[in-house]
Protein backbone atom coordinates (compact mmCIF):
# COMPACT_ATOMS: atom_id res chain seq x y z
CA UNK A 1 -23.29 -6.97 -17.59
CA UNK A 2 -20.69 -8.57 -15.35
CA UNK A 3 -19.12 -6.11 -12.89
CA UNK A 4 -16.49 -7.27 -10.40
CA UNK A 5 -16.73 -5.57 -7.03
CA UNK A 6 -13.85 -5.68 -4.58
CA UNK A 7 -14.60 -5.50 -0.87
CA UNK A 8 -12.30 -3.42 1.32
CA UNK A 9 -10.28 -6.15 3.11
CA UNK A 10 -8.25 -4.34 5.78
CA UNK A 11 -8.95 -4.46 9.54
CA UNK A 12 -8.06 -0.75 9.72
CA UNK A 13 -10.96 1.51 8.81
CA UNK A 14 -10.87 3.20 5.38
CA UNK A 15 -10.15 6.59 7.01
CA UNK A 16 -7.09 5.26 8.91
CA UNK A 17 -4.05 7.34 7.93
CA UNK A 18 -1.26 5.78 5.89
CA UNK A 19 1.77 7.03 3.99
CA UNK A 20 2.04 7.03 0.22
CA UNK A 21 4.69 8.60 -1.97
CA UNK A 22 3.71 11.44 -4.28
CA UNK A 23 4.68 9.36 -7.34
CA UNK A 24 1.84 6.95 -6.62
CA UNK A 25 -0.65 9.61 -5.62
CA UNK A 26 0.10 11.55 -8.82
CA UNK A 27 -0.37 8.39 -10.91
CA UNK A 28 3.25 8.39 -12.10
CA UNK A 29 4.27 5.01 -10.68
CA UNK A 30 2.61 1.88 -9.22
CA UNK A 31 2.82 0.61 -5.65
CA UNK A 32 5.81 -1.74 -5.54
CA UNK A 33 6.70 -1.67 -1.83
CA UNK A 34 4.43 -2.01 1.21
CA UNK A 35 5.42 -1.83 4.86
CA UNK A 36 3.27 -2.54 7.93
CA UNK A 37 5.31 -0.88 10.68
CA UNK A 38 6.09 -2.85 13.83
CA UNK A 39 6.15 0.08 16.26
CA UNK A 40 2.89 1.84 15.39
CA UNK A 41 1.07 -0.39 12.86
CA UNK A 42 1.23 2.36 10.21
CA UNK A 43 0.97 1.25 6.59
CA UNK A 44 3.30 2.66 3.93
CA UNK A 45 2.70 2.32 0.18
CA UNK A 46 5.69 3.31 -1.95
CA UNK A 47 6.92 3.06 -5.53
CA UNK A 48 10.21 1.45 -4.55
CA UNK A 49 12.47 4.49 -5.02
CA UNK A 50 14.28 6.39 -2.28
CA UNK A 51 12.20 9.23 -0.85
CA UNK A 52 12.66 12.36 1.19
CA UNK A 53 10.04 13.64 3.62
CA UNK A 54 8.84 16.05 0.92
CA UNK A 55 7.82 13.05 -1.23
CA UNK A 56 5.50 11.56 1.42
CA UNK A 57 1.76 12.17 1.61
CA UNK A 58 -0.81 11.06 4.17
CA UNK A 59 -4.04 9.61 2.84
CA UNK A 60 -6.70 7.21 4.10
CA UNK A 61 -6.36 3.44 3.70
CA UNK A 62 -9.53 3.43 1.60
CA UNK A 63 -7.99 5.87 -0.85
CA UNK A 64 -4.83 3.72 -1.07
CA UNK A 65 -7.03 0.69 -1.83
CA UNK A 66 -8.83 2.65 -4.55
CA UNK A 67 -5.46 3.54 -6.12
CA UNK A 68 -4.49 -0.14 -6.35
CA UNK A 69 -6.86 -2.87 -5.17
CA UNK A 70 -4.08 -5.48 -5.38
CA UNK A 71 -2.79 -4.19 -2.03
CA UNK A 72 -5.83 -5.95 -0.58
CA UNK A 73 -3.88 -9.19 -1.02
CA UNK A 74 -1.64 -7.88 1.79
CA UNK A 75 -4.43 -7.11 4.26
CA UNK A 76 -3.15 -9.81 6.66
CA UNK A 77 0.49 -8.67 6.47
CA UNK A 78 1.72 -8.83 10.08
CA UNK A 79 3.21 -5.87 11.93
CA UNK A 80 6.89 -5.57 11.09
CA UNK A 81 6.56 -7.19 7.67
CA UNK A 82 7.07 -5.79 4.17
CA UNK A 83 6.08 -6.80 0.66
CA UNK A 84 7.68 -6.03 -2.68
CA UNK A 85 7.09 -6.79 -6.32
CA UNK A 86 8.98 -6.00 -9.53
CA UNK A 87 6.04 -4.59 -11.52
CA UNK A 88 2.36 -3.86 -11.00
CA UNK A 89 1.55 -7.27 -12.51
CA UNK A 90 4.13 -9.26 -10.50
CA UNK A 91 3.30 -11.33 -7.43
CA UNK A 92 3.93 -9.83 -4.00
CA UNK A 93 6.89 -11.27 -2.08
CA UNK A 94 6.59 -10.83 1.68
CA UNK A 95 9.34 -10.81 4.29
CA UNK A 96 9.90 -9.79 7.88
CA UNK A 97 11.42 -6.31 7.91
């Protein structure tokens, strides 16, 4: 049996707090926007829609990685940079925010 195992790739520990929108946490939408904040290094994982504070949740980085392991491709995203994609299967496009 061939089982692929992904290794947690981030420098931040798995219990480091990050923001995620409720749409992702509830399994309604995929992660389509990622931000690695310049001022505090906080990670944000969003579905790409506009959000109010009521839509935001705080979870651990490890939980975010479990929700979508493709965010591991962004583990080296510098502070102040963002990444977006059109769909869950699209390639990430990175840019300085």
